[in-house]
Amino acid sequence: MHAAFFAALMPDERTSARIQRFKDCTRELVGPQLYLDDPPHTTVYLASFPIGFDAIAHLRAAVIPAPSPVRLHGWHSWVGDPLTGRNTLVCSLHPDDKQMLRLCQQHVVATLAPHRDLAMTEARFAGRADSLSAEQTHNIRTVGFPFLGDGWEPHITVASIAPEHWDIVLGELQSCPPFGPFSYTHLEVFKLHGDEPTSRGRYEFPAH
């Protein structure tokens, strides 16, 4: 038996509330959309693991360091998102902050990836194989997640939106792009039930 889990960096309360307002506005405009119900977060790693695997215990044993404060840097979108087939609207992060977050990702991947269920993890992405690059496919085979290193663009998703609703949402939100500094307060591990995440615990960064 196995289950899909993902580890995510969680923004501070003020920033979470700000992004939640974007989510609420999107819902009012066009109704339910993919990822709209998810709490604001930055996905760091996703894979399938054997039932009973304790990701939080492994993160605590590894002592993952806290990332430094980062900056929101406006809107970014993936039109025809290769993983959803929809148009995904995200809050981008400042380019100068991304390498530091990629270092955090390296720690998380090194800690969790060796424990994944190899076959079931690869099977999660099989339906999107034609949309993934050769590098992304290689990443899935080696660590179980397509977006690594420079190929991982840290962001906070608002929603992955049906194409027929895209212009409505973009027309409303593009005039109020998110900018400004914030901090990630902890890592949280979520179990996926289909596309619905359920929190399974949090890893608090060690005090400086």
N, C-alpha and C. Protein backbone atom coordinates (compact mmCIF):
# COMPACT_ATOMS: atom_id res chain seq x y z
N MET A 1 0.85 -1.19 0.00
CA MET A 1 0.00 0.00 0.00
C MET A 1 0.89 1.25 0.00
N HIS A 2 0.37 2.31 -0.62
CA HIS A 2 1.14 3.53 -0.74
C HIS A 2 0.19 4.72 -0.68
N ALA A 3 0.76 5.90 -0.52
CA ALA A 3 -0.02 7.14 -0.53
C ALA A 3 0.86 8.26 -1.07
N ALA A 4 0.24 9.22 -1.73
CA ALA A 4 0.97 10.37 -2.26
C ALA A 4 1.04 11.46 -1.19
N PHE A 5 2.24 11.96 -0.99
CA PHE A 5 2.47 13.05 -0.04
C PHE A 5 3.26 14.15 -0.74
N PHE A 6 3.06 15.38 -0.30
CA PHE A 6 3.97 16.44 -0.74
C PHE A 6 4.39 17.30 0.43
N ALA A 7 5.61 17.80 0.33
CA ALA A 7 6.15 18.72 1.32
C ALA A 7 6.10 20.13 0.75
N ALA A 8 5.66 21.09 1.57
CA ALA A 8 5.46 22.45 1.09
C ALA A 8 5.99 23.46 2.09
N LEU A 9 6.57 24.51 1.56
CA LEU A 9 6.92 25.67 2.37
C LEU A 9 5.66 26.51 2.58
N MET A 10 5.42 26.91 3.83
CA MET A 10 4.19 27.63 4.17
C MET A 10 4.51 29.08 4.50
N PRO A 11 3.86 30.03 3.80
CA PRO A 11 4.15 31.44 4.05
C PRO A 11 3.56 31.93 5.37
N ASP A 12 4.08 33.06 5.82
CA ASP A 12 3.60 33.64 7.07
C ASP A 12 2.12 33.99 6.98
N GLU A 13 1.53 34.22 8.14
CA GLU A 13 0.08 34.40 8.23
C GLU A 13 -0.42 35.58 7.40
N ARG A 14 0.30 36.69 7.42
CA ARG A 14 -0.14 37.86 6.66
C ARG A 14 -0.15 37.57 5.16
N THR A 15 0.90 36.91 4.67
CA THR A 15 0.99 36.59 3.25
C THR A 15 -0.04 35.54 2.85
N SER A 16 -0.26 34.56 3.72
CA SER A 16 -1.29 33.55 3.44
C SER A 16 -2.66 34.20 3.29
N ALA A 17 -2.96 35.15 4.18
CA ALA A 17 -4.26 35.83 4.11
C ALA A 17 -4.38 36.64 2.82
N ARG A 18 -3.28 37.25 2.41
CA ARG A 18 -3.29 38.04 1.17
C ARG A 18 -3.58 37.16 -0.04
N ILE A 19 -2.92 36.00 -0.11
CA ILE A 19 -3.12 35.11 -1.25
C ILE A 19 -4.49 34.45 -1.18
N GLN A 20 -4.97 34.20 0.03
CA GLN A 20 -6.32 33.66 0.18
C GLN A 20 -7.35 34.61 -0.40
N ARG A 21 -7.11 35.91 -0.29
CA ARG A 21 -8.05 36.88 -0.88
C ARG A 21 -8.09 36.74 -2.40
N PHE A 22 -6.94 36.46 -3.02
CA PHE A 22 -6.92 36.21 -4.47
C PHE A 22 -7.72 34.95 -4.80
N LYS A 23 -7.57 33.95 -3.97
CA LYS A 23 -8.32 32.71 -4.18
C LYS A 23 -9.83 32.97 -4.03
N ASP A 24 -10.20 33.71 -3.00
CA ASP A 24 -11.62 33.99 -2.77
C ASP A 24 -12.22 34.79 -3.92
N CYS A 25 -11.45 35.75 -4.43
CA CYS A 25 -11.90 36.54 -5.57
C CYS A 25 -12.11 35.66 -6.80
N THR A 26 -11.18 34.74 -7.03
CA THR A 26 -11.29 33.83 -8.18
C THR A 26 -12.55 32.98 -8.06
N ARG A 27 -12.81 32.49 -6.87
CA ARG A 27 -14.02 31.67 -6.66
C ARG A 27 -15.28 32.48 -6.94
N GLU A 28 -15.31 33.72 -6.47
CA GLU A 28 -16.48 34.57 -6.70
C GLU A 28 -16.70 34.84 -8.18
N LEU A 29 -15.59 34.92 -8.93
CA LEU A 29 -15.68 35.23 -10.35
C LEU A 29 -16.13 34.04 -11.19
N VAL A 30 -15.52 32.85 -10.94
CA VAL A 30 -15.70 31.72 -11.87
C VAL A 30 -16.02 30.41 -11.17
N GLY A 31 -16.21 30.42 -9.85
CA GLY A 31 -16.57 29.19 -9.17
C GLY A 31 -15.37 28.29 -8.92
N PRO A 32 -15.59 27.03 -8.53
CA PRO A 32 -14.51 26.12 -8.16
C PRO A 32 -13.52 25.89 -9.31
N GLN A 33 -12.24 25.86 -8.94
CA GLN A 33 -11.17 25.58 -9.89
C GLN A 33 -10.14 24.68 -9.21
N LEU A 34 -9.33 24.03 -10.01
CA LEU A 34 -8.31 23.13 -9.48
C LEU A 34 -7.33 23.90 -8.60
N TYR A 35 -7.03 23.35 -7.43
CA TYR A 35 -6.10 23.91 -6.43
C TYR A 35 -6.65 25.12 -5.68
N LEU A 36 -7.85 25.56 -6.00
CA LEU A 36 -8.38 26.76 -5.36
C LEU A 36 -8.60 26.56 -3.86
N ASP A 37 -8.93 25.33 -3.46
CA ASP A 37 -9.17 25.05 -2.04
C ASP A 37 -7.88 24.79 -1.27
N ASP A 38 -6.76 24.65 -1.96
CA ASP A 38 -5.51 24.37 -1.26
C ASP A 38 -5.06 25.58 -0.46
N PRO A 39 -4.51 25.38 0.72
CA PRO A 39 -3.95 26.51 1.46
C PRO A 39 -2.76 27.09 0.69
N PRO A 40 -2.52 28.38 0.80
CA PRO A 40 -1.36 28.97 0.11
C PRO A 40 -0.07 28.28 0.53
N HIS A 41 0.72 27.84 -0.45
CA HIS A 41 1.94 27.12 -0.15
C HIS A 41 2.84 27.08 -1.37
N THR A 42 4.08 26.67 -1.16
CA THR A 42 5.03 26.43 -2.24
C THR A 42 5.43 24.96 -2.20
N THR A 43 4.98 24.19 -3.17
CA THR A 43 5.31 22.76 -3.20
C THR A 43 6.80 22.59 -3.47
N VAL A 44 7.45 21.81 -2.62
CA VAL A 44 8.88 21.56 -2.73
C VAL A 44 9.15 20.19 -3.34
N TYR A 45 8.36 19.19 -2.95
CA TYR A 45 8.59 17.82 -3.41
C TYR A 45 7.30 17.04 -3.25
N LEU A 46 7.03 16.17 -4.22
CA LEU A 46 5.84 15.31 -4.20
C LEU A 46 6.24 13.92 -4.69
N ALA A 47 5.78 12.90 -3.98
CA ALA A 47 6.03 11.51 -4.39
C ALA A 47 5.05 10.60 -3.67
N SER A 48 5.04 9.35 -4.06
CA SER A 48 4.26 8.33 -3.36
C SER A 48 5.17 7.58 -2.40
N PHE A 49 4.63 7.30 -1.21
CA PHE A 49 5.41 6.64 -0.16
C PHE A 49 4.62 5.47 0.40
N PRO A 50 5.32 4.51 0.97
CA PRO A 50 4.62 3.39 1.63
C PRO A 50 3.75 3.91 2.78
N ILE A 51 2.60 3.28 2.96
CA ILE A 51 1.72 3.63 4.08
C ILE A 51 2.52 3.50 5.39
N GLY A 52 2.39 4.50 6.23
CA GLY A 52 3.10 4.48 7.49
C GLY A 52 4.41 5.25 7.48
N PHE A 53 4.85 5.68 6.31
CA PHE A 53 6.09 6.46 6.25
C PHE A 53 5.90 7.79 6.98
N ASP A 54 6.84 8.12 7.86
CA ASP A 54 6.76 9.34 8.68
C ASP A 54 7.71 10.39 8.13
N ALA A 55 7.19 11.21 7.20
CA ALA A 55 8.02 12.22 6.56
C ALA A 55 8.50 13.27 7.56
N ILE A 56 7.65 13.65 8.48
CA ILE A 56 8.03 14.67 9.46
C ILE A 56 9.21 14.20 10.30
N ALA A 57 9.20 12.96 10.74
CA ALA A 57 10.30 12.44 11.54
C ALA A 57 11.61 12.49 10.77
N HIS A 58 11.56 12.19 9.48
CA HIS A 58 12.78 12.23 8.67
C HIS A 58 13.26 13.67 8.48
N LEU A 59 12.34 14.61 8.28
CA LEU A 59 12.74 16.01 8.16
C LEU A 59 13.38 16.51 9.45
N ARG A 60 12.81 16.12 10.58
CA ARG A 60 13.38 16.54 11.87
C ARG A 60 14.78 15.96 12.07
N ALA A 61 14.96 14.73 11.67
CA ALA A 61 16.28 14.11 11.83
C ALA A 61 17.32 14.77 10.92
N ALA A 62 16.87 15.27 9.78
CA ALA A 62 17.79 15.90 8.83
C ALA A 62 18.12 17.34 9.21
N VAL A 63 17.30 17.96 10.05
CA VAL A 63 17.48 19.36 10.48
C VAL A 63 17.57 20.28 9.26
N ILE A 64 16.45 20.44 8.56
CA ILE A 64 16.38 21.31 7.39
C ILE A 64 16.48 22.76 7.85
N PRO A 65 17.42 23.55 7.31
CA PRO A 65 17.55 24.95 7.75
C PRO A 65 16.44 25.82 7.18
N ALA A 66 16.11 26.89 7.90
CA ALA A 66 15.07 27.82 7.45
C ALA A 66 15.58 28.66 6.28
N PRO A 67 14.76 28.85 5.25
CA PRO A 67 15.16 29.78 4.19
C PRO A 67 15.07 31.23 4.69
N SER A 68 15.89 32.08 4.12
CA SER A 68 15.83 33.51 4.44
C SER A 68 14.54 34.12 3.89
N PRO A 69 14.16 35.31 4.37
CA PRO A 69 12.99 35.97 3.80
C PRO A 69 13.11 36.15 2.29
N VAL A 70 11.97 36.10 1.62
CA VAL A 70 11.91 36.21 0.16
C VAL A 70 10.93 37.32 -0.22
N ARG A 71 10.77 37.53 -1.54
CA ARG A 71 9.91 38.60 -2.02
C ARG A 71 8.94 38.10 -3.08
N LEU A 72 7.67 38.44 -2.93
CA LEU A 72 6.72 38.24 -4.01
C LEU A 72 7.09 39.17 -5.15
N HIS A 73 6.89 38.69 -6.39
CA HIS A 73 7.38 39.46 -7.55
C HIS A 73 6.37 39.44 -8.69
N GLY A 74 5.12 39.70 -8.36
CA GLY A 74 4.10 39.82 -9.40
C GLY A 74 3.51 38.50 -9.82
N TRP A 75 2.70 38.56 -10.88
CA TRP A 75 2.03 37.37 -11.40
C TRP A 75 2.92 36.62 -12.38
N HIS A 76 2.69 35.32 -12.42
CA HIS A 76 3.24 34.48 -13.48
C HIS A 76 2.16 33.46 -13.83
N SER A 77 2.16 33.01 -15.06
CA SER A 77 1.15 32.02 -15.46
C SER A 77 1.77 30.97 -16.36
N TRP A 78 1.25 29.75 -16.21
CA TRP A 78 1.56 28.67 -17.13
C TRP A 78 0.28 28.37 -17.92
N VAL A 79 0.23 28.86 -19.14
CA VAL A 79 -0.91 28.60 -20.01
C VAL A 79 -0.72 27.22 -20.64
N GLY A 80 -1.71 26.35 -20.45
CA GLY A 80 -1.53 24.97 -20.88
C GLY A 80 -0.54 24.25 -19.98
N ASP A 81 -0.70 24.41 -18.68
CA ASP A 81 0.16 23.77 -17.68
C ASP A 81 0.33 22.28 -18.02
N PRO A 82 1.58 21.80 -18.16
CA PRO A 82 1.79 20.41 -18.56
C PRO A 82 1.25 19.39 -17.57
N LEU A 83 1.09 19.78 -16.29
CA LEU A 83 0.59 18.82 -15.31
C LEU A 83 -0.92 18.86 -15.13
N THR A 84 -1.57 19.94 -15.56
CA THR A 84 -3.02 20.04 -15.35
C THR A 84 -3.81 20.18 -16.64
N GLY A 85 -3.16 20.64 -17.72
CA GLY A 85 -3.88 20.90 -18.96
C GLY A 85 -4.71 22.17 -18.89
N ARG A 86 -4.61 22.91 -17.79
CA ARG A 86 -5.34 24.16 -17.62
C ARG A 86 -4.35 25.33 -17.62
N ASN A 87 -4.84 26.51 -17.25
CA ASN A 87 -3.98 27.69 -17.15
C ASN A 87 -3.78 28.01 -15.67
N THR A 88 -2.55 27.94 -15.23
CA THR A 88 -2.25 28.08 -13.80
C THR A 88 -1.72 29.47 -13.49
N LEU A 89 -2.39 30.15 -12.57
CA LEU A 89 -2.00 31.49 -12.15
C LEU A 89 -1.28 31.39 -10.81
N VAL A 90 -0.09 31.99 -10.74
CA VAL A 90 0.71 31.89 -9.52
C VAL A 90 1.28 33.25 -9.15
N CYS A 91 1.60 33.39 -7.86
CA CYS A 91 2.39 34.51 -7.37
C CYS A 91 3.85 34.13 -7.54
N SER A 92 4.56 34.89 -8.35
CA SER A 92 5.97 34.60 -8.60
C SER A 92 6.82 35.11 -7.45
N LEU A 93 8.05 34.62 -7.39
CA LEU A 93 9.02 35.08 -6.41
C LEU A 93 10.18 35.78 -7.12
N HIS A 94 10.83 36.68 -6.40
CA HIS A 94 11.91 37.45 -7.01
C HIS A 94 13.01 36.50 -7.49
N PRO A 95 13.54 36.73 -8.70
CA PRO A 95 14.57 35.82 -9.24
C PRO A 95 15.78 35.66 -8.32
N ASP A 96 16.16 36.72 -7.60
CA ASP A 96 17.34 36.63 -6.74
C ASP A 96 17.13 35.76 -5.51
N ASP A 97 15.88 35.42 -5.21
CA ASP A 97 15.56 34.62 -4.03
C ASP A 97 15.45 33.13 -4.33
N LYS A 98 15.42 32.77 -5.61
CA LYS A 98 15.08 31.40 -5.96
C LYS A 98 16.19 30.40 -5.67
N GLN A 99 17.44 30.80 -5.85
CA GLN A 99 18.53 29.84 -5.63
C GLN A 99 18.59 29.40 -4.18
N MET A 100 18.31 30.32 -3.26
CA MET A 100 18.30 29.97 -1.85
C MET A 100 17.20 28.95 -1.56
N LEU A 101 16.05 29.11 -2.21
CA LEU A 101 14.96 28.15 -2.02
C LEU A 101 15.30 26.81 -2.67
N ARG A 102 16.03 26.85 -3.77
CA ARG A 102 16.45 25.60 -4.41
C ARG A 102 17.40 24.81 -3.52
N LEU A 103 18.20 25.52 -2.72
CA LEU A 103 19.05 24.83 -1.76
C LEU A 103 18.19 24.13 -0.71
N CYS A 104 17.14 24.81 -0.26
CA CYS A 104 16.21 24.18 0.68
C CYS A 104 15.59 22.94 0.05
N GLN A 105 15.21 23.05 -1.23
CA GLN A 105 14.64 21.89 -1.91
C GLN A 105 15.63 20.72 -1.94
N GLN A 106 16.89 21.00 -2.17
CA GLN A 106 17.90 19.93 -2.20
C GLN A 106 17.89 19.15 -0.89
N HIS A 107 17.81 19.86 0.22
CA HIS A 107 17.79 19.20 1.53
C HIS A 107 16.55 18.30 1.66
N VAL A 108 15.41 18.82 1.26
CA VAL A 108 14.16 18.06 1.40
C VAL A 108 14.18 16.82 0.50
N VAL A 109 14.60 17.00 -0.74
CA VAL A 109 14.63 15.88 -1.68
C VAL A 109 15.62 14.81 -1.21
N ALA A 110 16.79 15.23 -0.76
CA ALA A 110 17.78 14.27 -0.28
C ALA A 110 17.27 13.48 0.92
N THR A 111 16.40 14.12 1.71
CA THR A 111 15.86 13.47 2.90
C THR A 111 14.74 12.50 2.57
N LEU A 112 13.84 12.89 1.65
CA LEU A 112 12.62 12.11 1.43
C LEU A 112 12.68 11.18 0.23
N ALA A 113 13.35 11.59 -0.84
CA ALA A 113 13.29 10.82 -2.10
C ALA A 113 13.74 9.37 -1.96
N PRO A 114 14.78 9.06 -1.16
CA PRO A 114 15.21 7.66 -1.08
C PRO A 114 14.15 6.72 -0.52
N HIS A 115 13.12 7.26 0.11
CA HIS A 115 12.09 6.43 0.75
C HIS A 115 10.83 6.28 -0.10
N ARG A 116 10.83 6.85 -1.28
CA ARG A 116 9.61 6.84 -2.11
C ARG A 116 9.34 5.45 -2.66
N ASP A 117 8.10 5.20 -3.04
CA ASP A 117 7.72 4.02 -3.80
C ASP A 117 8.00 4.33 -5.27
N LEU A 118 9.06 3.75 -5.81
CA LEU A 118 9.52 4.14 -7.14
C LEU A 118 8.45 3.96 -8.21
N ALA A 119 7.85 2.78 -8.27
CA ALA A 119 6.89 2.50 -9.34
C ALA A 119 5.66 3.39 -9.25
N MET A 120 5.11 3.55 -8.07
CA MET A 120 3.89 4.35 -7.93
C MET A 120 4.16 5.83 -8.12
N THR A 121 5.34 6.28 -7.76
CA THR A 121 5.69 7.68 -7.99
C THR A 121 5.78 7.96 -9.48
N GLU A 122 6.44 7.10 -10.21
CA GLU A 122 6.53 7.30 -11.66
C GLU A 122 5.15 7.20 -12.30
N ALA A 123 4.31 6.32 -11.80
CA ALA A 123 2.97 6.14 -12.38
C ALA A 123 2.13 7.41 -12.24
N ARG A 124 2.37 8.22 -11.20
CA ARG A 124 1.60 9.46 -11.01
C ARG A 124 1.73 10.40 -12.19
N PHE A 125 2.89 10.38 -12.83
CA PHE A 125 3.16 11.32 -13.92
C PHE A 125 3.03 10.70 -15.30
N ALA A 126 2.68 9.43 -15.34
CA ALA A 126 2.66 8.72 -16.63
C ALA A 126 1.69 9.35 -17.62
N GLY A 127 0.55 9.84 -17.13
CA GLY A 127 -0.44 10.42 -18.02
C GLY A 127 -0.02 11.73 -18.63
N ARG A 128 1.04 12.35 -18.08
CA ARG A 128 1.53 13.64 -18.59
C ARG A 128 2.90 13.51 -19.25
N ALA A 129 3.32 12.28 -19.53
CA ALA A 129 4.67 12.04 -20.03
C ALA A 129 4.95 12.82 -21.32
N ASP A 130 3.96 12.94 -22.19
CA ASP A 130 4.17 13.63 -23.47
C ASP A 130 4.34 15.13 -23.29
N SER A 131 3.94 15.66 -22.14
CA SER A 131 4.05 17.10 -21.90
C SER A 131 5.32 17.49 -21.16
N LEU A 132 6.08 16.50 -20.71
CA LEU A 132 7.26 16.77 -19.91
C LEU A 132 8.53 16.73 -20.77
N SER A 133 9.51 17.55 -20.39
CA SER A 133 10.78 17.56 -21.10
C SER A 133 11.60 16.32 -20.74
N ALA A 134 12.66 16.10 -21.51
CA ALA A 134 13.54 14.97 -21.22
C ALA A 134 14.16 15.11 -19.82
N GLU A 135 14.52 16.34 -19.44
CA GLU A 135 15.08 16.56 -18.11
C GLU A 135 14.07 16.26 -17.02
N GLN A 136 12.83 16.70 -17.21
CA GLN A 136 11.79 16.44 -16.22
C GLN A 136 11.51 14.95 -16.09
N THR A 137 11.49 14.24 -17.20
CA THR A 137 11.28 12.80 -17.16
C THR A 137 12.43 12.11 -16.42
N HIS A 138 13.65 12.58 -16.67
CA HIS A 138 14.81 12.04 -15.96
C HIS A 138 14.69 12.28 -14.45
N ASN A 139 14.23 13.48 -14.08
CA ASN A 139 14.08 13.80 -12.66
C ASN A 139 13.08 12.87 -11.98
N ILE A 140 12.00 12.57 -12.68
CA ILE A 140 10.99 11.65 -12.12
C ILE A 140 11.62 10.29 -11.85
N ARG A 141 12.43 9.83 -12.77
CA ARG A 141 13.05 8.51 -12.61
C ARG A 141 14.08 8.49 -11.49
N THR A 142 14.79 9.61 -11.30
CA THR A 142 15.89 9.61 -10.34
C THR A 142 15.45 9.99 -8.93
N VAL A 143 14.51 10.96 -8.81
CA VAL A 143 14.08 11.36 -7.46
C VAL A 143 12.56 11.37 -7.30
N GLY A 144 11.82 11.24 -8.42
CA GLY A 144 10.37 11.13 -8.31
C GLY A 144 9.59 12.39 -8.53
N PHE A 145 10.26 13.52 -8.81
CA PHE A 145 9.58 14.81 -8.97
C PHE A 145 10.18 15.53 -10.16
N PRO A 146 9.34 16.06 -11.08
CA PRO A 146 9.90 16.60 -12.34
C PRO A 146 10.65 17.91 -12.21
N PHE A 147 10.36 18.69 -11.17
CA PHE A 147 10.88 20.05 -11.11
C PHE A 147 11.97 20.16 -10.04
N LEU A 148 13.22 20.23 -10.48
CA LEU A 148 14.37 20.24 -9.57
C LEU A 148 15.35 21.33 -9.97
N GLY A 149 16.11 21.83 -8.98
CA GLY A 149 17.18 22.77 -9.28
C GLY A 149 16.67 23.95 -10.09
N ASP A 150 17.43 24.31 -11.14
CA ASP A 150 17.04 25.44 -11.97
C ASP A 150 15.72 25.18 -12.71
N GLY A 151 15.30 23.93 -12.79
CA GLY A 151 14.03 23.60 -13.42
C GLY A 151 12.83 23.73 -12.49
N TRP A 152 13.10 24.10 -11.24
CA TRP A 152 12.02 24.34 -10.28
C TRP A 152 11.85 25.83 -10.10
N GLU A 153 10.67 26.34 -10.40
CA GLU A 153 10.36 27.75 -10.24
C GLU A 153 9.49 27.91 -8.99
N PRO A 154 10.07 28.26 -7.86
CA PRO A 154 9.28 28.42 -6.64
C PRO A 154 8.19 29.47 -6.83
N HIS A 155 7.00 29.16 -6.35
CA HIS A 155 5.86 30.06 -6.53
C HIS A 155 4.77 29.68 -5.53
N ILE A 156 3.73 30.49 -5.48
CA ILE A 156 2.55 30.19 -4.67
C ILE A 156 1.35 30.24 -5.60
N THR A 157 0.66 29.12 -5.74
CA THR A 157 -0.43 29.01 -6.71
C THR A 157 -1.73 29.60 -6.18
N VAL A 158 -2.41 30.33 -7.06
CA VAL A 158 -3.78 30.76 -6.79
C VAL A 158 -4.73 29.64 -7.21
N ALA A 159 -4.65 29.23 -8.48
CA ALA A 159 -5.50 28.14 -8.98
C ALA A 159 -5.04 27.76 -10.38
N SER A 160 -5.40 26.56 -10.80
CA SER A 160 -5.25 26.15 -12.19
C SER A 160 -6.65 26.23 -12.81
N ILE A 161 -6.80 27.13 -13.75
CA ILE A 161 -8.11 27.63 -14.15
C ILE A 161 -8.51 27.08 -15.52
N ALA A 162 -9.76 26.69 -15.63
CA ALA A 162 -10.28 26.21 -16.91
C ALA A 162 -10.11 27.30 -17.97
N PRO A 163 -9.66 26.94 -19.18
CA PRO A 163 -9.37 27.96 -20.19
C PRO A 163 -10.52 28.91 -20.47
N GLU A 164 -11.75 28.43 -20.39
CA GLU A 164 -12.89 29.30 -20.69
C GLU A 164 -13.10 30.38 -19.63
N HIS A 165 -12.49 30.21 -18.46
CA HIS A 165 -12.61 31.20 -17.39
C HIS A 165 -11.37 32.08 -17.25
N TRP A 166 -10.34 31.79 -18.02
CA TRP A 166 -9.04 32.42 -17.82
C TRP A 166 -9.09 33.94 -17.98
N ASP A 167 -9.69 34.42 -19.04
CA ASP A 167 -9.70 35.86 -19.30
C ASP A 167 -10.46 36.63 -18.22
N ILE A 168 -11.47 36.01 -17.64
CA ILE A 168 -12.24 36.67 -16.58
C ILE A 168 -11.36 36.88 -15.36
N VAL A 169 -10.67 35.83 -14.95
CA VAL A 169 -9.82 35.92 -13.76
C VAL A 169 -8.65 36.86 -14.00
N LEU A 170 -7.98 36.70 -15.13
CA LEU A 170 -6.82 37.53 -15.42
C LEU A 170 -7.22 39.00 -15.51
N GLY A 171 -8.36 39.27 -16.12
CA GLY A 171 -8.83 40.64 -16.25
C GLY A 171 -9.07 41.31 -14.91
N GLU A 172 -9.47 40.54 -13.92
CA GLU A 172 -9.75 41.08 -12.60
C GLU A 172 -8.48 41.23 -11.76
N LEU A 173 -7.58 40.23 -11.82
CA LEU A 173 -6.46 40.19 -10.88
C LEU A 173 -5.18 40.85 -11.41
N GLN A 174 -5.02 40.97 -12.70
CA GLN A 174 -3.73 41.43 -13.22
C GLN A 174 -3.42 42.87 -12.82
N SER A 175 -4.42 43.63 -12.44
CA SER A 175 -4.19 45.02 -12.05
C SER A 175 -3.70 45.16 -10.60
N CYS A 176 -3.67 44.04 -9.85
CA CYS A 176 -3.22 44.10 -8.45
C CYS A 176 -2.18 43.03 -8.20
N PRO A 177 -1.02 43.10 -8.88
CA PRO A 177 0.00 42.06 -8.74
C PRO A 177 0.60 42.06 -7.34
N PRO A 178 0.95 40.88 -6.83
CA PRO A 178 1.53 40.77 -5.49
C PRO A 178 3.03 41.07 -5.48
N PHE A 179 3.43 42.02 -4.64
CA PHE A 179 4.83 42.34 -4.44
C PHE A 179 5.08 42.49 -2.94
N GLY A 180 6.34 42.33 -2.54
CA GLY A 180 6.70 42.60 -1.16
C GLY A 180 7.35 41.42 -0.46
N PRO A 181 8.04 41.69 0.65
CA PRO A 181 8.77 40.65 1.37
C PRO A 181 7.86 39.81 2.25
N PHE A 182 8.29 38.57 2.46
CA PHE A 182 7.59 37.69 3.41
C PHE A 182 8.54 36.57 3.81
N SER A 183 8.11 35.78 4.77
CA SER A 183 8.92 34.65 5.24
C SER A 183 8.12 33.36 5.15
N TYR A 184 8.82 32.27 4.94
CA TYR A 184 8.24 30.95 5.11
C TYR A 184 8.45 30.53 6.57
N THR A 185 7.39 30.13 7.23
CA THR A 185 7.48 29.86 8.66
C THR A 185 7.78 28.40 8.99
N HIS A 186 7.39 27.47 8.10
CA HIS A 186 7.62 26.05 8.38
C HIS A 186 7.41 25.24 7.12
N LEU A 187 7.78 23.98 7.18
CA LEU A 187 7.44 23.00 6.14
C LEU A 187 6.24 22.20 6.62
N GLU A 188 5.32 21.94 5.73
CA GLU A 188 4.17 21.12 6.08
C GLU A 188 4.07 19.95 5.10
N VAL A 189 3.69 18.81 5.62
CA VAL A 189 3.52 17.61 4.79
C VAL A 189 2.03 17.35 4.63
N PHE A 190 1.60 17.17 3.38
CA PHE A 190 0.20 16.92 3.06
C PHE A 190 0.06 15.56 2.39
N LYS A 191 -1.00 14.86 2.74
CA LYS A 191 -1.38 13.63 2.04
C LYS A 191 -2.44 14.00 1.00
N LEU A 192 -2.30 13.44 -0.19
CA LEU A 192 -3.25 13.71 -1.26
C LEU A 192 -4.31 12.63 -1.34
N HIS A 193 -5.57 13.05 -1.37
CA HIS A 193 -6.70 12.18 -1.65
C HIS A 193 -7.25 12.66 -3.00
N GLY A 194 -6.81 12.03 -4.08
CA GLY A 194 -7.10 12.61 -5.40
C GLY A 194 -6.29 13.88 -5.53
N ASP A 195 -6.99 15.01 -5.71
CA ASP A 195 -6.31 16.31 -5.76
C ASP A 195 -6.47 17.09 -4.46
N GLU A 196 -7.08 16.49 -3.44
CA GLU A 196 -7.37 17.20 -2.20
C GLU A 196 -6.29 16.91 -1.15
N PRO A 197 -5.62 17.96 -0.66
CA PRO A 197 -4.58 17.75 0.35
C PRO A 197 -5.11 17.78 1.77
N THR A 198 -4.55 16.94 2.61
CA THR A 198 -4.86 16.92 4.04
C THR A 198 -3.55 17.00 4.80
N SER A 199 -3.43 17.96 5.70
CA SER A 199 -2.19 18.12 6.45
C SER A 199 -1.93 16.90 7.32
N ARG A 200 -0.67 16.44 7.30
CA ARG A 200 -0.26 15.31 8.13
C ARG A 200 0.81 15.70 9.13
N GLY A 201 1.10 16.98 9.23
CA GLY A 201 2.08 17.42 10.22
C GLY A 201 2.96 18.52 9.69
N ARG A 202 3.69 19.17 10.59
CA ARG A 202 4.54 20.28 10.21
C ARG A 202 5.92 20.12 10.83
N TYR A 203 6.89 20.61 10.07
CA TYR A 203 8.27 20.64 10.53
C TYR A 203 8.64 22.09 10.80
N GLU A 204 8.94 22.40 12.05
CA GLU A 204 9.33 23.75 12.44
C GLU A 204 10.83 23.92 12.21
N PHE A 205 11.20 24.98 11.54
CA PHE A 205 12.62 25.23 11.32
C PHE A 205 13.32 25.49 12.65
N PRO A 206 14.58 25.04 12.77
CA PRO A 206 15.30 25.28 14.01
C PRO A 206 15.54 26.77 14.24
N ALA A 207 15.53 27.19 15.48
CA ALA A 207 15.79 28.59 15.81
C ALA A 207 17.23 28.93 15.47
N HIS A 208 17.41 30.17 15.03
CA HIS A 208 18.78 30.61 14.69
C HIS A 208 19.59 30.79 15.97
